[in-house]
Amino acid sequence: MSLLSDVYNKLSHMPTFSKHVARPHTDTSVAVTFRLEADEEQRLAELARQDLRTRSSFVRLLILRGMAAYDKDVKAERA
């Protein structure tokens, strides 16, 4: 199991209805900038609000879940 899978498993079991506590910035964190269409950003903001997360925290969760799914797909293709 990869480190990414471990992170994903921990995050996917977090309660989504409790108030999210922001993670502090660390010396190892890196800011990432990207663009979304207006409707995508509106949906993202709404989903983050429903999950009681900041948009940044919600995007991070989506990225971690997406990378874990990608790793799983690649592993299945190689089997």
PDB file of N, CA and C in Angstrom:
ATOM      1  N   MET A   1       0.839  -1.174   0.000  1.00  0.00           N
ATOM      2  CA  MET A   1       0.000   0.000   0.000  1.00  0.00           C
ATOM      3  C   MET A   1       0.889   1.244   0.000  1.00  0.00           C
ATOM      4  N   SER A   2       0.552   2.234  -0.797  1.00  0.00           N
ATOM      5  CA  SER A   2       1.378   3.432  -0.906  1.00  0.00           C
ATOM      6  C   SER A   2       1.034   4.437   0.191  1.00  0.00           C
ATOM      7  N   LEU A   3       1.935   5.367   0.401  1.00  0.00           N
ATOM      8  CA  LEU A   3       1.699   6.431   1.362  1.00  0.00           C
ATOM      9  C   LEU A   3       0.454   7.212   0.971  1.00  0.00           C
ATOM     10  N   LEU A   4       0.278   7.443  -0.319  1.00  0.00           N
ATOM     11  CA  LEU A   4      -0.889   8.163  -0.799  1.00  0.00           C
ATOM     12  C   LEU A   4      -2.172   7.420  -0.448  1.00  0.00           C
ATOM     13  N   SER A   5      -2.176   6.102  -0.593  1.00  0.00           N
ATOM     14  CA  SER A   5      -3.345   5.312  -0.228  1.00  0.00           C
ATOM     15  C   SER A   5      -3.634   5.428   1.255  1.00  0.00           C
ATOM     16  N   ASP A   6      -2.581   5.419   2.068  1.00  0.00           N
ATOM     17  CA  ASP A   6      -2.760   5.573   3.518  1.00  0.00           C
ATOM     18  C   ASP A   6      -3.416   6.907   3.839  1.00  0.00           C
ATOM     19  N   VAL A   7      -2.942   7.973   3.185  1.00  0.00           N
ATOM     20  CA  VAL A   7      -3.511   9.301   3.414  1.00  0.00           C
ATOM     21  C   VAL A   7      -4.960   9.312   2.969  1.00  0.00           C
ATOM     22  N   TYR A   8      -5.233   8.763   1.801  1.00  0.00           N
ATOM     23  CA  TYR A   8      -6.592   8.730   1.287  1.00  0.00           C
ATOM     24  C   TYR A   8      -7.509   7.980   2.236  1.00  0.00           C
ATOM     25  N   ASN A   9      -7.093   6.827   2.720  1.00  0.00           N
ATOM     26  CA  ASN A   9      -7.932   6.042   3.615  1.00  0.00           C
ATOM     27  C   ASN A   9      -8.249   6.810   4.894  1.00  0.00           C
ATOM     28  N   LYS A  10      -7.277   7.519   5.427  1.00  0.00           N
ATOM     29  CA  LYS A  10      -7.510   8.312   6.630  1.00  0.00           C
ATOM     30  C   LYS A  10      -8.478   9.451   6.346  1.00  0.00           C
ATOM     31  N   LEU A  11      -8.311  10.121   5.207  1.00  0.00           N
ATOM     32  CA  LEU A  11      -9.170  11.254   4.879  1.00  0.00           C
ATOM     33  C   LEU A  11     -10.582  10.823   4.520  1.00  0.00           C
ATOM     34  N   SER A  12     -10.726   9.687   3.871  1.00  0.00           N
ATOM     35  CA  SER A  12     -12.045   9.272   3.425  1.00  0.00           C
ATOM     36  C   SER A  12     -12.931   8.828   4.580  1.00  0.00           C
ATOM     37  N   HIS A  13     -12.340   8.555   5.739  1.00  0.00           N
ATOM     38  CA  HIS A  13     -13.118   8.138   6.894  1.00  0.00           C
ATOM     39  C   HIS A  13     -13.357   9.276   7.880  1.00  0.00           C
ATOM     40  N   MET A  14     -12.895  10.471   7.526  1.00  0.00           N
ATOM     41  CA  MET A  14     -13.097  11.613   8.395  1.00  0.00           C
ATOM     42  C   MET A  14     -14.560  12.023   8.344  1.00  0.00           C
ATOM     43  N   PRO A  15     -15.150  12.362   9.488  1.00  0.00           N
ATOM     44  CA  PRO A  15     -16.528  12.847   9.446  1.00  0.00           C
ATOM     45  C   PRO A  15     -16.588  14.137   8.645  1.00  0.00           C
ATOM     46  N   THR A  16     -17.601  14.260   7.808  1.00  0.00           N
ATOM     47  CA  THR A  16     -17.699  15.445   6.954  1.00  0.00           C
ATOM     48  C   THR A  16     -18.692  16.458   7.502  1.00  0.00           C
ATOM     49  N   PHE A  17     -19.320  16.156   8.606  1.00  0.00           N
ATOM     50  CA  PHE A  17     -20.324  17.057   9.147  1.00  0.00           C
ATOM     51  C   PHE A  17     -19.830  17.814  10.370  1.00  0.00           C
ATOM     52  N   SER A  18     -18.611  17.577  10.775  1.00  0.00           N
ATOM     53  CA  SER A  18     -18.048  18.332  11.882  1.00  0.00           C
ATOM     54  C   SER A  18     -17.200  19.471  11.331  1.00  0.00           C
ATOM     55  N   LYS A  19     -16.980  20.483  12.140  1.00  0.00           N
ATOM     56  CA  LYS A  19     -16.210  21.635  11.675  1.00  0.00           C
ATOM     57  C   LYS A  19     -14.787  21.210  11.347  1.00  0.00           C
ATOM     58  N   HIS A  20     -14.347  21.589  10.167  1.00  0.00           N
ATOM     59  CA  HIS A  20     -12.995  21.248   9.718  1.00  0.00           C
ATOM     60  C   HIS A  20     -11.988  22.164  10.405  1.00  0.00           C
ATOM     61  N   VAL A  21     -10.908  21.607  10.846  1.00  0.00           N
ATOM     62  CA  VAL A  21      -9.825  22.389  11.437  1.00  0.00           C
ATOM     63  C   VAL A  21      -8.737  22.525  10.383  1.00  0.00           C
ATOM     64  N   ALA A  22      -8.399  23.754  10.052  1.00  0.00           N
ATOM     65  CA  ALA A  22      -7.406  24.006   9.013  1.00  0.00           C
ATOM     66  C   ALA A  22      -6.041  23.497   9.432  1.00  0.00           C
ATOM     67  N   ARG A  23      -5.338  22.937   8.464  1.00  0.00           N
ATOM     68  CA  ARG A  23      -3.965  22.481   8.702  1.00  0.00           C
ATOM     69  C   ARG A  23      -3.047  23.697   8.593  1.00  0.00           C
ATOM     70  N   PRO A  24      -2.070  23.809   9.474  1.00  0.00           N
ATOM     71  CA  PRO A  24      -1.135  24.930   9.357  1.00  0.00           C
ATOM     72  C   PRO A  24      -0.211  24.731   8.154  1.00  0.00           C
ATOM     73  N   HIS A  25       0.224  25.840   7.587  1.00  0.00           N
ATOM     74  CA  HIS A  25       1.206  25.752   6.503  1.00  0.00           C
ATOM     75  C   HIS A  25       2.510  25.234   7.088  1.00  0.00           C
ATOM     76  N   THR A  26       3.184  24.409   6.339  1.00  0.00           N
ATOM     77  CA  THR A  26       4.460  23.875   6.794  1.00  0.00           C
ATOM     78  C   THR A  26       5.550  24.281   5.813  1.00  0.00           C
ATOM     79  N   ASP A  27       6.775  24.064   6.214  1.00  0.00           N
ATOM     80  CA  ASP A  27       7.895  24.374   5.333  1.00  0.00           C
ATOM     81  C   ASP A  27       7.904  23.483   4.095  1.00  0.00           C
ATOM     82  N   THR A  28       7.218  22.357   4.164  1.00  0.00           N
ATOM     83  CA  THR A  28       7.214  21.429   3.034  1.00  0.00           C
ATOM     84  C   THR A  28       5.995  21.613   2.135  1.00  0.00           C
ATOM     85  N   SER A  29       5.022  22.444   2.531  1.00  0.00           N
ATOM     86  CA  SER A  29       3.841  22.626   1.693  1.00  0.00           C
ATOM     87  C   SER A  29       4.171  23.548   0.523  1.00  0.00           C
ATOM     88  N   VAL A  30       3.500  23.313  -0.592  1.00  0.00           N
ATOM     89  CA  VAL A  30       3.737  24.069  -1.819  1.00  0.00           C
ATOM     90  C   VAL A  30       2.409  24.609  -2.325  1.00  0.00           C
ATOM     91  N   ALA A  31       2.362  25.871  -2.638  1.00  0.00           N
ATOM     92  CA  ALA A  31       1.162  26.468  -3.210  1.00  0.00           C
ATOM     93  C   ALA A  31       1.046  26.045  -4.669  1.00  0.00           C
ATOM     94  N   VAL A  32      -0.168  25.673  -5.094  1.00  0.00           N
ATOM     95  CA  VAL A  32      -0.424  25.265  -6.467  1.00  0.00           C
ATOM     96  C   VAL A  32      -1.550  26.148  -7.013  1.00  0.00           C
ATOM     97  N   THR A  33      -1.329  26.701  -8.183  1.00  0.00           N
ATOM     98  CA  THR A  33      -2.316  27.573  -8.809  1.00  0.00           C
ATOM     99  C   THR A  33      -2.854  26.907 -10.063  1.00  0.00           C
ATOM    100  N   PHE A  34      -4.174  26.951 -10.245  1.00  0.00           N
ATOM    101  CA  PHE A  34      -4.781  26.408 -11.459  1.00  0.00           C
ATOM    102  C   PHE A  34      -6.085  27.147 -11.727  1.00  0.00           C
ATOM    103  N   ARG A  35      -6.633  26.956 -12.906  1.00  0.00           N
ATOM    104  CA  ARG A  35      -7.857  27.647 -13.303  1.00  0.00           C
ATOM    105  C   ARG A  35      -9.020  26.673 -13.407  1.00  0.00           C
ATOM    106  N   LEU A  36     -10.210  27.187 -13.088  1.00  0.00           N
ATOM    107  CA  LEU A  36     -11.465  26.457 -13.255  1.00  0.00           C
ATOM    108  C   LEU A  36     -12.430  27.342 -14.022  1.00  0.00           C
ATOM    109  N   GLU A  37     -13.353  26.722 -14.690  1.00  0.00           N
ATOM    110  CA  GLU A  37     -14.449  27.476 -15.290  1.00  0.00           C
ATOM    111  C   GLU A  37     -15.333  27.985 -14.152  1.00  0.00           C
ATOM    112  N   ALA A  38     -16.096  29.039 -14.394  1.00  0.00           N
ATOM    113  CA  ALA A  38     -16.917  29.651 -13.349  1.00  0.00           C
ATOM    114  C   ALA A  38     -17.899  28.647 -12.740  1.00  0.00           C
ATOM    115  N   ASP A  39     -18.528  27.828 -13.581  1.00  0.00           N
ATOM    116  CA  ASP A  39     -19.491  26.854 -13.051  1.00  0.00           C
ATOM    117  C   ASP A  39     -18.796  25.779 -12.221  1.00  0.00           C
ATOM    118  N   GLU A  40     -17.575  25.417 -12.588  1.00  0.00           N
ATOM    119  CA  GLU A  40     -16.811  24.436 -11.815  1.00  0.00           C
ATOM    120  C   GLU A  40     -16.443  25.006 -10.444  1.00  0.00           C
ATOM    121  N   GLU A  41     -16.043  26.273 -10.430  1.00  0.00           N
ATOM    122  CA  GLU A  41     -15.680  26.918  -9.173  1.00  0.00           C
ATOM    123  C   GLU A  41     -16.895  27.055  -8.269  1.00  0.00           C
ATOM    124  N   GLN A  42     -18.044  27.366  -8.839  1.00  0.00           N
ATOM    125  CA  GLN A  42     -19.271  27.475  -8.043  1.00  0.00           C
ATOM    126  C   GLN A  42     -19.637  26.131  -7.424  1.00  0.00           C
ATOM    127  N   ARG A  43     -19.514  25.070  -8.208  1.00  0.00           N
ATOM    128  CA  ARG A  43     -19.806  23.736  -7.679  1.00  0.00           C
ATOM    129  C   ARG A  43     -18.794  23.359  -6.590  1.00  0.00           C
ATOM    130  N   LEU A  44     -17.532  23.660  -6.837  1.00  0.00           N
ATOM    131  CA  LEU A  44     -16.493  23.389  -5.851  1.00  0.00           C
ATOM    132  C   LEU A  44     -16.783  24.128  -4.544  1.00  0.00           C
ATOM    133  N   ALA A  45     -17.114  25.397  -4.635  1.00  0.00           N
ATOM    134  CA  ALA A  45     -17.405  26.196  -3.444  1.00  0.00           C
ATOM    135  C   ALA A  45     -18.602  25.627  -2.688  1.00  0.00           C
ATOM    136  N   GLU A  46     -19.628  25.207  -3.401  1.00  0.00           N
ATOM    137  CA  GLU A  46     -20.815  24.631  -2.759  1.00  0.00           C
ATOM    138  C   GLU A  46     -20.493  23.296  -2.080  1.00  0.00           C
ATOM    139  N   LEU A  47     -19.750  22.434  -2.756  1.00  0.00           N
ATOM    140  CA  LEU A  47     -19.379  21.146  -2.157  1.00  0.00           C
ATOM    141  C   LEU A  47     -18.503  21.351  -0.922  1.00  0.00           C
ATOM    142  N   ALA A  48     -17.574  22.287  -0.990  1.00  0.00           N
ATOM    143  CA  ALA A  48     -16.713  22.584   0.158  1.00  0.00           C
ATOM    144  C   ALA A  48     -17.557  23.101   1.315  1.00  0.00           C
ATOM    145  N   ARG A  49     -18.507  23.983   1.016  1.00  0.00           N
ATOM    146  CA  ARG A  49     -19.377  24.521   2.059  1.00  0.00           C
ATOM    147  C   ARG A  49     -20.187  23.414   2.713  1.00  0.00           C
ATOM    148  N   GLN A  50     -20.740  22.514   1.905  1.00  0.00           N
ATOM    149  CA  GLN A  50     -21.523  21.401   2.439  1.00  0.00           C
ATOM    150  C   GLN A  50     -20.674  20.498   3.331  1.00  0.00           C
ATOM    151  N   ASP A  51     -19.390  20.397   3.022  1.00  0.00           N
ATOM    152  CA  ASP A  51     -18.476  19.539   3.764  1.00  0.00           C
ATOM    153  C   ASP A  51     -17.790  20.297   4.913  1.00  0.00           C
ATOM    154  N   LEU A  52     -18.176  21.565   5.095  1.00  0.00           N
ATOM    155  CA  LEU A  52     -17.603  22.425   6.127  1.00  0.00           C
ATOM    156  C   LEU A  52     -16.081  22.512   6.023  1.00  0.00           C
ATOM    157  N   ARG A  53     -15.610  22.697   4.798  1.00  0.00           N
ATOM    158  CA  ARG A  53     -14.184  22.825   4.531  1.00  0.00           C
ATOM    159  C   ARG A  53     -13.942  24.108   3.746  1.00  0.00           C
ATOM    160  N   THR A  54     -12.705  24.567   3.796  1.00  0.00           N
ATOM    161  CA  THR A  54     -12.330  25.659   2.906  1.00  0.00           C
ATOM    162  C   THR A  54     -12.222  25.081   1.496  1.00  0.00           C
ATOM    163  N   ARG A  55     -12.275  25.952   0.501  1.00  0.00           N
ATOM    164  CA  ARG A  55     -12.097  25.446  -0.870  1.00  0.00           C
ATOM    165  C   ARG A  55     -10.740  24.781  -1.011  1.00  0.00           C
ATOM    166  N   SER A  56      -9.722  25.379  -0.421  1.00  0.00           N
ATOM    167  CA  SER A  56      -8.377  24.825  -0.504  1.00  0.00           C
ATOM    168  C   SER A  56      -8.319  23.422   0.098  1.00  0.00           C
ATOM    169  N   SER A  57      -8.887  23.262   1.264  1.00  0.00           N
ATOM    170  CA  SER A  57      -8.897  21.960   1.930  1.00  0.00           C
ATOM    171  C   SER A  57      -9.678  20.940   1.110  1.00  0.00           C
ATOM    172  N   PHE A  58     -10.797  21.370   0.537  1.00  0.00           N
ATOM    173  CA  PHE A  58     -11.619  20.466  -0.255  1.00  0.00           C
ATOM    174  C   PHE A  58     -10.898  20.050  -1.539  1.00  0.00           C
ATOM    175  N   VAL A  59     -10.233  20.997  -2.193  1.00  0.00           N
ATOM    176  CA  VAL A  59      -9.470  20.679  -3.407  1.00  0.00           C
ATOM    177  C   VAL A  59      -8.352  19.692  -3.077  1.00  0.00           C
ATOM    178  N   ARG A  60      -7.671  19.905  -1.958  1.00  0.00           N
ATOM    179  CA  ARG A  60      -6.616  18.976  -1.543  1.00  0.00           C
ATOM    180  C   ARG A  60      -7.168  17.570  -1.359  1.00  0.00           C
ATOM    181  N   LEU A  61      -8.326  17.473  -0.713  1.00  0.00           N
ATOM    182  CA  LEU A  61      -8.965  16.171  -0.514  1.00  0.00           C
ATOM    183  C   LEU A  61      -9.300  15.515  -1.857  1.00  0.00           C
ATOM    184  N   LEU A  62      -9.862  16.298  -2.782  1.00  0.00           N
ATOM    185  CA  LEU A  62     -10.186  15.758  -4.107  1.00  0.00           C
ATOM    186  C   LEU A  62      -8.935  15.282  -4.837  1.00  0.00           C
ATOM    187  N   ILE A  63      -7.866  16.052  -4.737  1.00  0.00           N
ATOM    188  CA  ILE A  63      -6.618  15.671  -5.406  1.00  0.00           C
ATOM    189  C   ILE A  63      -6.065  14.384  -4.809  1.00  0.00           C
ATOM    190  N   LEU A  64      -6.047  14.291  -3.476  1.00  0.00           N
ATOM    191  CA  LEU A  64      -5.542  13.072  -2.835  1.00  0.00           C
ATOM    192  C   LEU A  64      -6.387  11.853  -3.217  1.00  0.00           C
ATOM    193  N   ARG A  65      -7.693  12.019  -3.227  1.00  0.00           N
ATOM    194  CA  ARG A  65      -8.577  10.909  -3.629  1.00  0.00           C
ATOM    195  C   ARG A  65      -8.352  10.544  -5.091  1.00  0.00           C
ATOM    196  N   GLY A  66      -8.212  11.557  -5.935  1.00  0.00           N
ATOM    197  CA  GLY A  66      -7.973  11.306  -7.356  1.00  0.00           C
ATOM    198  C   GLY A  66      -6.647  10.607  -7.610  1.00  0.00           C
ATOM    199  N   MET A  67      -5.601  11.013  -6.903  1.00  0.00           N
ATOM    200  CA  MET A  67      -4.309  10.358  -7.069  1.00  0.00           C
ATOM    201  C   MET A  67      -4.354   8.924  -6.564  1.00  0.00           C
ATOM    202  N   ALA A  68      -5.078   8.679  -5.465  1.00  0.00           N
ATOM    203  CA  ALA A  68      -5.213   7.313  -4.954  1.00  0.00           C
ATOM    204  C   ALA A  68      -5.958   6.442  -5.969  1.00  0.00           C
ATOM    205  N   ALA A  69      -7.015   6.980  -6.568  1.00  0.00           N
ATOM    206  CA  ALA A  69      -7.761   6.236  -7.587  1.00  0.00           C
ATOM    207  C   ALA A  69      -6.884   5.989  -8.809  1.00  0.00           C
ATOM    208  N   TYR A  70      -6.100   6.980  -9.194  1.00  0.00           N
ATOM    209  CA  TYR A  70      -5.181   6.843 -10.325  1.00  0.00           C
ATOM    210  C   TYR A  70      -4.164   5.739 -10.047  1.00  0.00           C
ATOM    211  N   ASP A  71      -3.571   5.765  -8.843  1.00  0.00           N
ATOM    212  CA  ASP A  71      -2.603   4.725  -8.467  1.00  0.00           C
ATOM    213  C   ASP A  71      -3.239   3.336  -8.554  1.00  0.00           C
ATOM    214  N   LYS A  72      -4.458   3.233  -8.085  1.00  0.00           N
ATOM    215  CA  LYS A  72      -5.178   1.952  -8.106  1.00  0.00           C
ATOM    216  C   LYS A  72      -5.411   1.499  -9.553  1.00  0.00           C
ATOM    217  N   ASP A  73      -5.821   2.426 -10.413  1.00  0.00           N
ATOM    218  CA  ASP A  73      -6.048   2.096 -11.827  1.00  0.00           C
ATOM    219  C   ASP A  73      -4.765   1.646 -12.515  1.00  0.00           C
ATOM    220  N   VAL A  74      -3.683   2.363 -12.267  1.00  0.00           N
ATOM    221  CA  VAL A  74      -2.400   2.016 -12.885  1.00  0.00           C
ATOM    222  C   VAL A  74      -1.949   0.648 -12.396  1.00  0.00           C
ATOM    223  N   LYS A  75      -2.095   0.393 -11.121  1.00  0.00           N
ATOM    224  CA  LYS A  75      -1.720  -0.900 -10.563  1.00  0.00           C
ATOM    225  C   LYS A  75      -2.547  -2.023 -11.184  1.00  0.00           C
ATOM    226  N   ALA A  76      -3.852  -1.781 -11.387  1.00  0.00           N
ATOM    227  CA  ALA A  76      -4.717  -2.792 -12.002  1.00  0.00           C
ATOM    228  C   ALA A  76      -4.330  -3.038 -13.444  1.00  0.00           C
ATOM    229  N   GLU A  77      -3.931  -1.996 -14.171  1.00  0.00           N
ATOM    230  CA  GLU A  77      -3.521  -2.142 -15.562  1.00  0.00           C
ATOM    231  C   GLU A  77      -2.246  -2.960 -15.693  1.00  0.00           C
ATOM    232  N   ARG A  78      -1.372  -2.849 -14.702  1.00  0.00           N
ATOM    233  CA  ARG A  78      -0.095  -3.564 -14.740  1.00  0.00           C
ATOM    234  C   ARG A  78      -0.216  -5.003 -14.284  1.00  0.00           C
ATOM    235  N   ALA A  79      -1.330  -5.347 -13.646  1.00  0.00           N
ATOM    236  CA  ALA A  79      -1.511  -6.725 -13.143  1.00  0.00           C
ATOM    237  C   ALA A  79      -1.897  -7.667 -14.244  1.00  0.00           C
TER     238      ALA A  79
END
